[in-house]
Amino acid sequence: MHLIGMVSWMSGLFYLVRLMVYHAEALDRPEPERQILTGQYKLMEWKVYRIILQPAVVITWVFGSLMLAIQPVWFSQGWLQVKLLFVVVLSGYTHYCQGHIRLLEARRSPFTHVHYRALNEVPTIILAAAVFLAVFRDRINWWYLAAGLLLFSALIFRAIQRLNKRGE
């Protein structure tokens, strides 16, 4: 159940921020197209947040906590402490996205569609870190993990820059 919650959480985040990309693009459209599109995106964003994300976050936390109650020795292991840090960051990111729904809704977002494209990659990086930590646990090489995440992040953001230059 923990994995199902986590997969749903990640799927919801990817979809929500992709909707925000489209919502931000729609703000540049002429009326009445802008009003129609932004109204639809606002509705879709809130549905994703309330119907997919909120339950997925709860399921992930509840079943992850139950696993830790069964295996409390994991609390003393570095890999879990770092993974929990990433989960807390992801929880904050999810809440941060909720704030951006409100900003887009009020047409006060300081972000462009390009910023939202970059924001959409944050959970990808956190997902990679959490999966490596959960799979390799105490066999993890911290230097390789850090270097790999930095390289992975750099490649993702370089790709975003290139796509932005091409106008995609």
N, C-alpha and C. Protein backbone atom coordinates (compact mmCIF):
# COMPACT_ATOMS: atom_id res chain seq x y z
N MET A 1 0.83 -1.20 0.00
CA MET A 1 0.00 0.00 0.00
C MET A 1 0.87 1.26 0.00
N HIS A 2 2.01 1.18 0.67
CA HIS A 2 2.92 2.33 0.68
C HIS A 2 3.37 2.66 -0.75
N LEU A 3 3.74 1.63 -1.50
CA LEU A 3 4.18 1.85 -2.88
C LEU A 3 3.05 2.37 -3.77
N ILE A 4 1.86 1.84 -3.56
CA ILE A 4 0.71 2.31 -4.34
C ILE A 4 0.45 3.79 -4.05
N GLY A 5 0.50 4.16 -2.78
CA GLY A 5 0.34 5.57 -2.41
C GLY A 5 1.41 6.44 -3.03
N MET A 6 2.67 5.97 -2.99
CA MET A 6 3.77 6.75 -3.53
C MET A 6 3.65 6.92 -5.04
N VAL A 7 3.28 5.86 -5.74
CA VAL A 7 3.12 5.95 -7.20
C VAL A 7 1.98 6.92 -7.53
N SER A 8 0.90 6.84 -6.79
CA SER A 8 -0.23 7.75 -7.01
C SER A 8 0.17 9.19 -6.72
N TRP A 9 0.94 9.39 -5.65
CA TRP A 9 1.41 10.73 -5.29
C TRP A 9 2.26 11.31 -6.41
N MET A 10 3.21 10.52 -6.90
CA MET A 10 4.08 11.01 -7.96
C MET A 10 3.29 11.28 -9.24
N SER A 11 2.37 10.38 -9.58
CA SER A 11 1.56 10.58 -10.78
C SER A 11 0.74 11.86 -10.67
N GLY A 12 0.15 12.06 -9.49
CA GLY A 12 -0.64 13.27 -9.26
C GLY A 12 0.19 14.53 -9.39
N LEU A 13 1.40 14.51 -8.84
CA LEU A 13 2.27 15.69 -8.95
C LEU A 13 2.67 15.97 -10.39
N PHE A 14 3.03 14.91 -11.12
CA PHE A 14 3.42 15.11 -12.52
C PHE A 14 2.26 15.70 -13.32
N TYR A 15 1.07 15.17 -13.10
CA TYR A 15 -0.10 15.64 -13.84
C TYR A 15 -0.48 17.06 -13.42
N LEU A 16 -0.46 17.33 -12.11
CA LEU A 16 -0.85 18.65 -11.62
C LEU A 16 0.04 19.74 -12.19
N VAL A 17 1.33 19.55 -12.13
CA VAL A 17 2.23 20.61 -12.59
C VAL A 17 2.19 20.72 -14.11
N ARG A 18 1.93 19.63 -14.81
CA ARG A 18 1.75 19.71 -16.27
C ARG A 18 0.52 20.57 -16.58
N LEU A 19 -0.55 20.40 -15.80
CA LEU A 19 -1.72 21.26 -15.96
C LEU A 19 -1.38 22.72 -15.70
N MET A 20 -0.50 22.95 -14.73
CA MET A 20 -0.07 24.32 -14.44
C MET A 20 0.70 24.93 -15.61
N VAL A 21 1.48 24.10 -16.30
CA VAL A 21 2.17 24.58 -17.51
C VAL A 21 1.13 25.07 -18.51
N TYR A 22 0.12 24.27 -18.76
CA TYR A 22 -0.92 24.64 -19.73
C TYR A 22 -1.72 25.84 -19.24
N HIS A 23 -1.97 25.90 -17.93
CA HIS A 23 -2.71 27.02 -17.36
C HIS A 23 -1.93 28.32 -17.57
N ALA A 24 -0.63 28.28 -17.29
CA ALA A 24 0.21 29.47 -17.48
C ALA A 24 0.25 29.88 -18.96
N GLU A 25 0.30 28.91 -19.86
CA GLU A 25 0.27 29.22 -21.30
C GLU A 25 -1.08 29.85 -21.68
N ALA A 26 -2.15 29.37 -21.08
CA ALA A 26 -3.49 29.88 -21.39
C ALA A 26 -3.66 31.33 -20.97
N LEU A 27 -2.91 31.76 -19.96
CA LEU A 27 -3.01 33.15 -19.51
C LEU A 27 -2.56 34.13 -20.58
N ASP A 28 -1.77 33.67 -21.54
CA ASP A 28 -1.30 34.52 -22.63
C ASP A 28 -2.24 34.52 -23.84
N ARG A 29 -3.31 33.76 -23.77
CA ARG A 29 -4.26 33.67 -24.89
C ARG A 29 -5.23 34.85 -24.86
N PRO A 30 -5.79 35.20 -26.01
CA PRO A 30 -6.79 36.27 -26.05
C PRO A 30 -8.13 35.79 -25.46
N GLU A 31 -8.93 36.74 -25.02
CA GLU A 31 -10.29 36.41 -24.56
C GLU A 31 -11.13 36.08 -25.79
N PRO A 32 -12.11 35.24 -25.73
CA PRO A 32 -12.65 34.51 -24.60
C PRO A 32 -11.93 33.17 -24.36
N GLU A 33 -10.97 32.86 -25.25
CA GLU A 33 -10.23 31.60 -25.13
C GLU A 33 -9.55 31.48 -23.76
N ARG A 34 -8.93 32.58 -23.31
CA ARG A 34 -8.24 32.57 -22.01
C ARG A 34 -9.19 32.19 -20.88
N GLN A 35 -10.35 32.81 -20.85
CA GLN A 35 -11.30 32.55 -19.78
C GLN A 35 -11.79 31.09 -19.79
N ILE A 36 -12.05 30.58 -20.96
CA ILE A 36 -12.53 29.19 -21.07
C ILE A 36 -11.43 28.21 -20.62
N LEU A 37 -10.22 28.40 -21.14
CA LEU A 37 -9.12 27.48 -20.81
C LEU A 37 -8.73 27.57 -19.34
N THR A 38 -8.57 28.79 -18.82
CA THR A 38 -8.14 28.91 -17.43
C THR A 38 -9.20 28.37 -16.47
N GLY A 39 -10.46 28.54 -16.81
CA GLY A 39 -11.53 27.97 -15.98
C GLY A 39 -11.46 26.45 -15.95
N GLN A 40 -11.20 25.86 -17.09
CA GLN A 40 -11.09 24.40 -17.16
C GLN A 40 -9.85 23.89 -16.44
N TYR A 41 -8.72 24.56 -16.63
CA TYR A 41 -7.50 24.13 -15.94
C TYR A 41 -7.63 24.26 -14.43
N LYS A 42 -8.25 25.34 -13.98
CA LYS A 42 -8.45 25.52 -12.54
C LYS A 42 -9.27 24.36 -11.97
N LEU A 43 -10.33 24.00 -12.65
CA LEU A 43 -11.17 22.88 -12.21
C LEU A 43 -10.36 21.58 -12.17
N MET A 44 -9.60 21.33 -13.21
CA MET A 44 -8.80 20.11 -13.29
C MET A 44 -7.72 20.07 -12.22
N GLU A 45 -7.05 21.21 -11.99
CA GLU A 45 -5.99 21.26 -10.98
C GLU A 45 -6.53 20.93 -9.60
N TRP A 46 -7.67 21.54 -9.24
CA TRP A 46 -8.23 21.27 -7.92
C TRP A 46 -8.70 19.82 -7.79
N LYS A 47 -9.24 19.25 -8.86
CA LYS A 47 -9.65 17.84 -8.79
C LYS A 47 -8.44 16.93 -8.59
N VAL A 48 -7.38 17.18 -9.31
CA VAL A 48 -6.17 16.37 -9.15
C VAL A 48 -5.65 16.51 -7.72
N TYR A 49 -5.63 17.74 -7.22
CA TYR A 49 -5.10 17.96 -5.88
C TYR A 49 -5.95 17.25 -4.82
N ARG A 50 -7.25 17.42 -4.90
CA ARG A 50 -8.13 16.88 -3.86
C ARG A 50 -8.43 15.39 -4.01
N ILE A 51 -8.56 14.92 -5.24
CA ILE A 51 -9.00 13.54 -5.47
C ILE A 51 -7.82 12.57 -5.59
N ILE A 52 -6.70 13.02 -6.12
CA ILE A 52 -5.55 12.14 -6.29
C ILE A 52 -4.47 12.42 -5.24
N LEU A 53 -4.01 13.67 -5.19
CA LEU A 53 -2.85 13.97 -4.35
C LEU A 53 -3.11 13.83 -2.85
N GLN A 54 -4.13 14.47 -2.34
CA GLN A 54 -4.36 14.41 -0.90
C GLN A 54 -4.51 12.97 -0.39
N PRO A 55 -5.35 12.13 -1.01
CA PRO A 55 -5.42 10.75 -0.52
C PRO A 55 -4.10 9.99 -0.69
N ALA A 56 -3.38 10.23 -1.78
CA ALA A 56 -2.12 9.53 -2.02
C ALA A 56 -1.08 9.90 -0.96
N VAL A 57 -1.02 11.17 -0.59
CA VAL A 57 -0.08 11.60 0.45
C VAL A 57 -0.42 10.91 1.77
N VAL A 58 -1.69 10.87 2.11
CA VAL A 58 -2.11 10.23 3.36
C VAL A 58 -1.78 8.74 3.34
N ILE A 59 -2.09 8.07 2.25
CA ILE A 59 -1.81 6.63 2.14
C ILE A 59 -0.31 6.37 2.27
N THR A 60 0.50 7.17 1.59
CA THR A 60 1.95 7.00 1.64
C THR A 60 2.48 7.17 3.06
N TRP A 61 2.06 8.23 3.72
CA TRP A 61 2.52 8.50 5.09
C TRP A 61 2.02 7.44 6.07
N VAL A 62 0.74 7.07 5.97
CA VAL A 62 0.19 6.09 6.92
C VAL A 62 0.89 4.75 6.79
N PHE A 63 0.99 4.24 5.58
CA PHE A 63 1.58 2.91 5.41
C PHE A 63 3.10 2.93 5.57
N GLY A 64 3.74 4.05 5.25
CA GLY A 64 5.16 4.17 5.54
C GLY A 64 5.40 4.18 7.05
N SER A 65 4.54 4.88 7.77
CA SER A 65 4.65 4.90 9.24
C SER A 65 4.41 3.52 9.84
N LEU A 66 3.45 2.79 9.27
CA LEU A 66 3.20 1.43 9.75
C LEU A 66 4.41 0.53 9.52
N MET A 67 5.05 0.67 8.38
CA MET A 67 6.26 -0.12 8.12
C MET A 67 7.34 0.21 9.14
N LEU A 68 7.46 1.49 9.48
CA LEU A 68 8.46 1.89 10.47
C LEU A 68 8.11 1.41 11.87
N ALA A 69 6.81 1.31 12.14
CA ALA A 69 6.40 0.77 13.45
C ALA A 69 6.77 -0.71 13.55
N ILE A 70 6.72 -1.40 12.42
CA ILE A 70 7.07 -2.82 12.39
C ILE A 70 8.60 -3.01 12.44
N GLN A 71 9.33 -2.09 11.81
CA GLN A 71 10.80 -2.16 11.74
C GLN A 71 11.43 -0.90 12.34
N PRO A 72 11.26 -0.64 13.62
CA PRO A 72 11.79 0.61 14.21
C PRO A 72 13.30 0.73 14.15
N VAL A 73 14.00 -0.38 13.94
CA VAL A 73 15.46 -0.32 13.85
C VAL A 73 15.90 0.53 12.66
N TRP A 74 15.04 0.65 11.64
CA TRP A 74 15.39 1.46 10.47
C TRP A 74 15.64 2.92 10.82
N PHE A 75 14.99 3.41 11.89
CA PHE A 75 15.17 4.81 12.27
C PHE A 75 16.63 5.16 12.55
N SER A 76 17.41 4.20 12.96
CA SER A 76 18.81 4.46 13.28
C SER A 76 19.71 4.40 12.05
N GLN A 77 19.15 4.06 10.90
CA GLN A 77 19.95 3.90 9.70
C GLN A 77 19.92 5.18 8.86
N GLY A 78 21.09 5.58 8.41
CA GLY A 78 21.24 6.83 7.66
C GLY A 78 20.40 6.92 6.41
N TRP A 79 20.29 5.82 5.67
CA TRP A 79 19.54 5.84 4.43
C TRP A 79 18.09 6.25 4.69
N LEU A 80 17.50 5.74 5.78
CA LEU A 80 16.10 6.07 6.07
C LEU A 80 15.95 7.52 6.50
N GLN A 81 16.88 8.00 7.27
CA GLN A 81 16.82 9.40 7.71
C GLN A 81 16.86 10.34 6.51
N VAL A 82 17.72 10.04 5.55
CA VAL A 82 17.81 10.87 4.35
C VAL A 82 16.55 10.71 3.50
N LYS A 83 16.05 9.48 3.39
CA LYS A 83 14.82 9.25 2.63
C LYS A 83 13.66 10.02 3.26
N LEU A 84 13.56 9.98 4.57
CA LEU A 84 12.49 10.73 5.25
C LEU A 84 12.62 12.23 5.02
N LEU A 85 13.86 12.71 4.95
CA LEU A 85 14.06 14.12 4.62
C LEU A 85 13.49 14.43 3.23
N PHE A 86 13.76 13.55 2.26
CA PHE A 86 13.21 13.75 0.92
C PHE A 86 11.68 13.68 0.93
N VAL A 87 11.11 12.81 1.73
CA VAL A 87 9.65 12.70 1.81
C VAL A 87 9.05 13.97 2.42
N VAL A 88 9.71 14.52 3.42
CA VAL A 88 9.25 15.78 4.01
C VAL A 88 9.34 16.90 2.98
N VAL A 89 10.44 16.94 2.23
CA VAL A 89 10.59 17.95 1.17
C VAL A 89 9.49 17.78 0.12
N LEU A 90 9.19 16.54 -0.26
CA LEU A 90 8.14 16.29 -1.24
C LEU A 90 6.77 16.70 -0.69
N SER A 91 6.55 16.51 0.59
CA SER A 91 5.30 16.95 1.21
C SER A 91 5.19 18.47 1.14
N GLY A 92 6.28 19.15 1.43
CA GLY A 92 6.30 20.61 1.32
C GLY A 92 6.09 21.07 -0.10
N TYR A 93 6.70 20.37 -1.04
CA TYR A 93 6.53 20.69 -2.46
C TYR A 93 5.06 20.55 -2.88
N THR A 94 4.42 19.51 -2.38
CA THR A 94 2.99 19.29 -2.69
C THR A 94 2.16 20.46 -2.18
N HIS A 95 2.44 20.89 -0.97
CA HIS A 95 1.73 22.05 -0.40
C HIS A 95 2.06 23.31 -1.20
N TYR A 96 3.31 23.45 -1.61
CA TYR A 96 3.74 24.59 -2.43
C TYR A 96 2.94 24.63 -3.74
N CYS A 97 2.72 23.46 -4.33
CA CYS A 97 1.92 23.39 -5.57
C CYS A 97 0.49 23.86 -5.33
N GLN A 98 -0.06 23.54 -4.17
CA GLN A 98 -1.40 24.01 -3.84
C GLN A 98 -1.43 25.55 -3.87
N GLY A 99 -0.41 26.17 -3.33
CA GLY A 99 -0.33 27.62 -3.37
C GLY A 99 -0.27 28.16 -4.79
N HIS A 100 0.39 27.41 -5.67
CA HIS A 100 0.46 27.85 -7.06
C HIS A 100 -0.86 27.67 -7.80
N ILE A 101 -1.67 26.72 -7.38
CA ILE A 101 -3.01 26.63 -7.96
C ILE A 101 -3.75 27.93 -7.65
N ARG A 102 -3.65 28.37 -6.42
CA ARG A 102 -4.33 29.61 -6.00
C ARG A 102 -3.78 30.83 -6.76
N LEU A 103 -2.46 30.87 -6.94
CA LEU A 103 -1.86 31.99 -7.68
C LEU A 103 -2.32 32.02 -9.14
N LEU A 104 -2.34 30.86 -9.77
CA LEU A 104 -2.82 30.79 -11.15
C LEU A 104 -4.30 31.16 -11.24
N GLU A 105 -5.06 30.69 -10.27
CA GLU A 105 -6.49 30.97 -10.21
C GLU A 105 -6.73 32.49 -10.14
N ALA A 106 -5.90 33.18 -9.37
CA ALA A 106 -6.04 34.63 -9.20
C ALA A 106 -5.28 35.42 -10.27
N ARG A 107 -4.63 34.70 -11.19
CA ARG A 107 -3.81 35.31 -12.24
C ARG A 107 -2.70 36.16 -11.66
N ARG A 108 -2.09 35.69 -10.56
CA ARG A 108 -1.02 36.41 -9.90
C ARG A 108 0.26 35.60 -9.83
N SER A 109 0.35 34.54 -10.58
CA SER A 109 1.55 33.71 -10.52
C SER A 109 2.74 34.45 -11.13
N PRO A 110 3.86 34.46 -10.42
CA PRO A 110 5.05 35.09 -10.99
C PRO A 110 5.75 34.18 -12.00
N PHE A 111 5.26 32.95 -12.14
CA PHE A 111 5.90 31.97 -13.01
C PHE A 111 5.31 31.98 -14.41
N THR A 112 6.18 31.68 -15.37
CA THR A 112 5.73 31.45 -16.74
C THR A 112 5.60 29.94 -16.94
N HIS A 113 5.14 29.55 -18.10
CA HIS A 113 5.04 28.12 -18.40
C HIS A 113 6.41 27.45 -18.35
N VAL A 114 7.48 28.18 -18.65
CA VAL A 114 8.83 27.62 -18.59
C VAL A 114 9.20 27.30 -17.14
N HIS A 115 8.87 28.19 -16.23
CA HIS A 115 9.14 27.93 -14.81
C HIS A 115 8.39 26.70 -14.32
N TYR A 116 7.14 26.56 -14.76
CA TYR A 116 6.36 25.38 -14.34
C TYR A 116 6.94 24.10 -14.94
N ARG A 117 7.49 24.19 -16.15
CA ARG A 117 8.14 23.01 -16.72
C ARG A 117 9.32 22.57 -15.85
N ALA A 118 10.10 23.54 -15.39
CA ALA A 118 11.22 23.22 -14.50
C ALA A 118 10.71 22.69 -13.16
N LEU A 119 9.66 23.31 -12.64
CA LEU A 119 9.08 22.87 -11.37
C LEU A 119 8.56 21.44 -11.48
N ASN A 120 8.15 21.04 -12.65
CA ASN A 120 7.62 19.69 -12.85
C ASN A 120 8.70 18.62 -12.71
N GLU A 121 9.97 19.00 -12.77
CA GLU A 121 11.05 18.03 -12.66
C GLU A 121 11.52 17.80 -11.23
N VAL A 122 11.12 18.66 -10.32
CA VAL A 122 11.53 18.51 -8.92
C VAL A 122 11.14 17.14 -8.36
N PRO A 123 9.87 16.69 -8.54
CA PRO A 123 9.55 15.37 -8.00
C PRO A 123 10.31 14.23 -8.67
N THR A 124 10.73 14.41 -9.91
CA THR A 124 11.51 13.38 -10.59
C THR A 124 12.83 13.17 -9.86
N ILE A 125 13.46 14.24 -9.49
CA ILE A 125 14.76 14.17 -8.79
C ILE A 125 14.58 13.55 -7.40
N ILE A 126 13.53 13.98 -6.70
CA ILE A 126 13.26 13.43 -5.37
C ILE A 126 12.91 11.95 -5.48
N LEU A 127 12.13 11.58 -6.48
CA LEU A 127 11.78 10.18 -6.70
C LEU A 127 13.03 9.33 -6.92
N ALA A 128 13.92 9.81 -7.76
CA ALA A 128 15.16 9.06 -8.02
C ALA A 128 15.94 8.85 -6.73
N ALA A 129 16.08 9.89 -5.95
CA ALA A 129 16.82 9.78 -4.69
C ALA A 129 16.15 8.79 -3.74
N ALA A 130 14.85 8.91 -3.57
CA ALA A 130 14.12 8.04 -2.63
C ALA A 130 14.18 6.58 -3.06
N VAL A 131 14.06 6.32 -4.35
CA VAL A 131 14.11 4.94 -4.83
C VAL A 131 15.49 4.34 -4.62
N PHE A 132 16.54 5.09 -4.96
CA PHE A 132 17.89 4.57 -4.74
C PHE A 132 18.14 4.30 -3.25
N LEU A 133 17.67 5.19 -2.41
CA LEU A 133 17.86 4.99 -0.96
C LEU A 133 17.10 3.76 -0.48
N ALA A 134 15.87 3.59 -0.93
CA ALA A 134 15.06 2.45 -0.48
C ALA A 134 15.59 1.13 -1.02
N VAL A 135 16.10 1.12 -2.23
CA VAL A 135 16.58 -0.12 -2.84
C VAL A 135 17.96 -0.51 -2.29
N PHE A 136 18.87 0.45 -2.24
CA PHE A 136 20.24 0.12 -1.85
C PHE A 136 20.50 0.24 -0.35
N ARG A 137 19.65 0.94 0.35
CA ARG A 137 19.70 1.08 1.81
C ARG A 137 21.11 1.32 2.33
N ASP A 138 21.59 0.42 3.15
CA ASP A 138 22.89 0.63 3.79
C ASP A 138 24.08 0.35 2.86
N ARG A 139 23.80 -0.10 1.65
CA ARG A 139 24.87 -0.33 0.66
C ARG A 139 25.10 0.90 -0.21
N ILE A 140 24.38 1.98 0.07
CA ILE A 140 24.46 3.17 -0.78
C ILE A 140 25.82 3.85 -0.61
N ASN A 141 26.37 4.30 -1.71
CA ASN A 141 27.59 5.11 -1.67
C ASN A 141 27.11 6.56 -1.75
N TRP A 142 27.28 7.30 -0.66
CA TRP A 142 26.73 8.65 -0.56
C TRP A 142 27.31 9.59 -1.60
N TRP A 143 28.59 9.43 -1.93
CA TRP A 143 29.20 10.30 -2.94
C TRP A 143 28.62 10.03 -4.32
N TYR A 144 28.42 8.75 -4.64
CA TYR A 144 27.83 8.42 -5.93
C TYR A 144 26.38 8.89 -6.01
N LEU A 145 25.66 8.75 -4.92
CA LEU A 145 24.27 9.22 -4.90
C LEU A 145 24.23 10.73 -5.13
N ALA A 146 25.04 11.48 -4.39
CA ALA A 146 25.05 12.93 -4.54
C ALA A 146 25.49 13.35 -5.95
N ALA A 147 26.54 12.75 -6.43
CA ALA A 147 27.04 13.08 -7.78
C ALA A 147 26.02 12.69 -8.85
N GLY A 148 25.42 11.52 -8.68
CA GLY A 148 24.42 11.08 -9.64
C GLY A 148 23.20 11.99 -9.67
N LEU A 149 22.74 12.42 -8.50
CA LEU A 149 21.59 13.34 -8.45
C LEU A 149 21.93 14.69 -9.05
N LEU A 150 23.13 15.18 -8.78
CA LEU A 150 23.55 16.46 -9.38
C LEU A 150 23.63 16.36 -10.90
N LEU A 151 24.23 15.29 -11.39
CA LEU A 151 24.33 15.09 -12.84
C LEU A 151 22.95 14.93 -13.46
N PHE A 152 22.12 14.12 -12.84
CA PHE A 152 20.74 13.91 -13.32
C PHE A 152 19.99 15.23 -13.37
N SER A 153 20.10 16.03 -12.31
CA SER A 153 19.43 17.34 -12.25
C SER A 153 19.95 18.27 -13.35
N ALA A 154 21.26 18.29 -13.53
CA ALA A 154 21.85 19.14 -14.56
C ALA A 154 21.36 18.74 -15.95
N LEU A 155 21.29 17.45 -16.21
CA LEU A 155 20.80 16.99 -17.52
C LEU A 155 19.34 17.37 -17.74
N ILE A 156 18.53 17.22 -16.72
CA ILE A 156 17.11 17.58 -16.84
C ILE A 156 16.96 19.07 -17.13
N PHE A 157 17.66 19.90 -16.36
CA PHE A 157 17.50 21.34 -16.55
C PHE A 157 18.14 21.84 -17.84
N ARG A 158 19.16 21.15 -18.29
CA ARG A 158 19.73 21.49 -19.61
C ARG A 158 18.73 21.15 -20.71
N ALA A 159 18.05 20.04 -20.59
CA ALA A 159 17.02 19.67 -21.57
C ALA A 159 15.89 20.69 -21.58
N ILE A 160 15.50 21.18 -20.42
CA ILE A 160 14.45 22.20 -20.35
C ILE A 160 14.91 23.47 -21.07
N GLN A 161 16.16 23.86 -20.86
CA GLN A 161 16.69 25.05 -21.53
C GLN A 161 16.68 24.87 -23.04
N ARG A 162 17.09 23.71 -23.50
CA ARG A 162 17.12 23.46 -24.95
C ARG A 162 15.72 23.47 -25.55
N LEU A 163 14.77 22.84 -24.86
CA LEU A 163 13.39 22.83 -25.35
C LEU A 163 12.81 24.25 -25.36
N ASN A 164 13.16 25.04 -24.37
CA ASN A 164 12.66 26.41 -24.31
C ASN A 164 13.21 27.23 -25.47
N LYS A 165 14.47 27.02 -25.81
CA LYS A 165 15.07 27.76 -26.94
C LYS A 165 14.42 27.38 -28.25
N ARG A 166 13.98 26.11 -28.35
CA ARG A 166 13.31 25.65 -29.58
C ARG A 166 11.84 26.05 -29.60
N GLY A 167 11.32 26.56 -28.48
CA GLY A 167 9.94 27.00 -28.42
C GLY A 167 8.95 25.88 -28.16
N GLU A 168 9.37 24.79 -27.54
CA GLU A 168 8.45 23.67 -27.30
C GLU A 168 7.92 23.70 -25.89
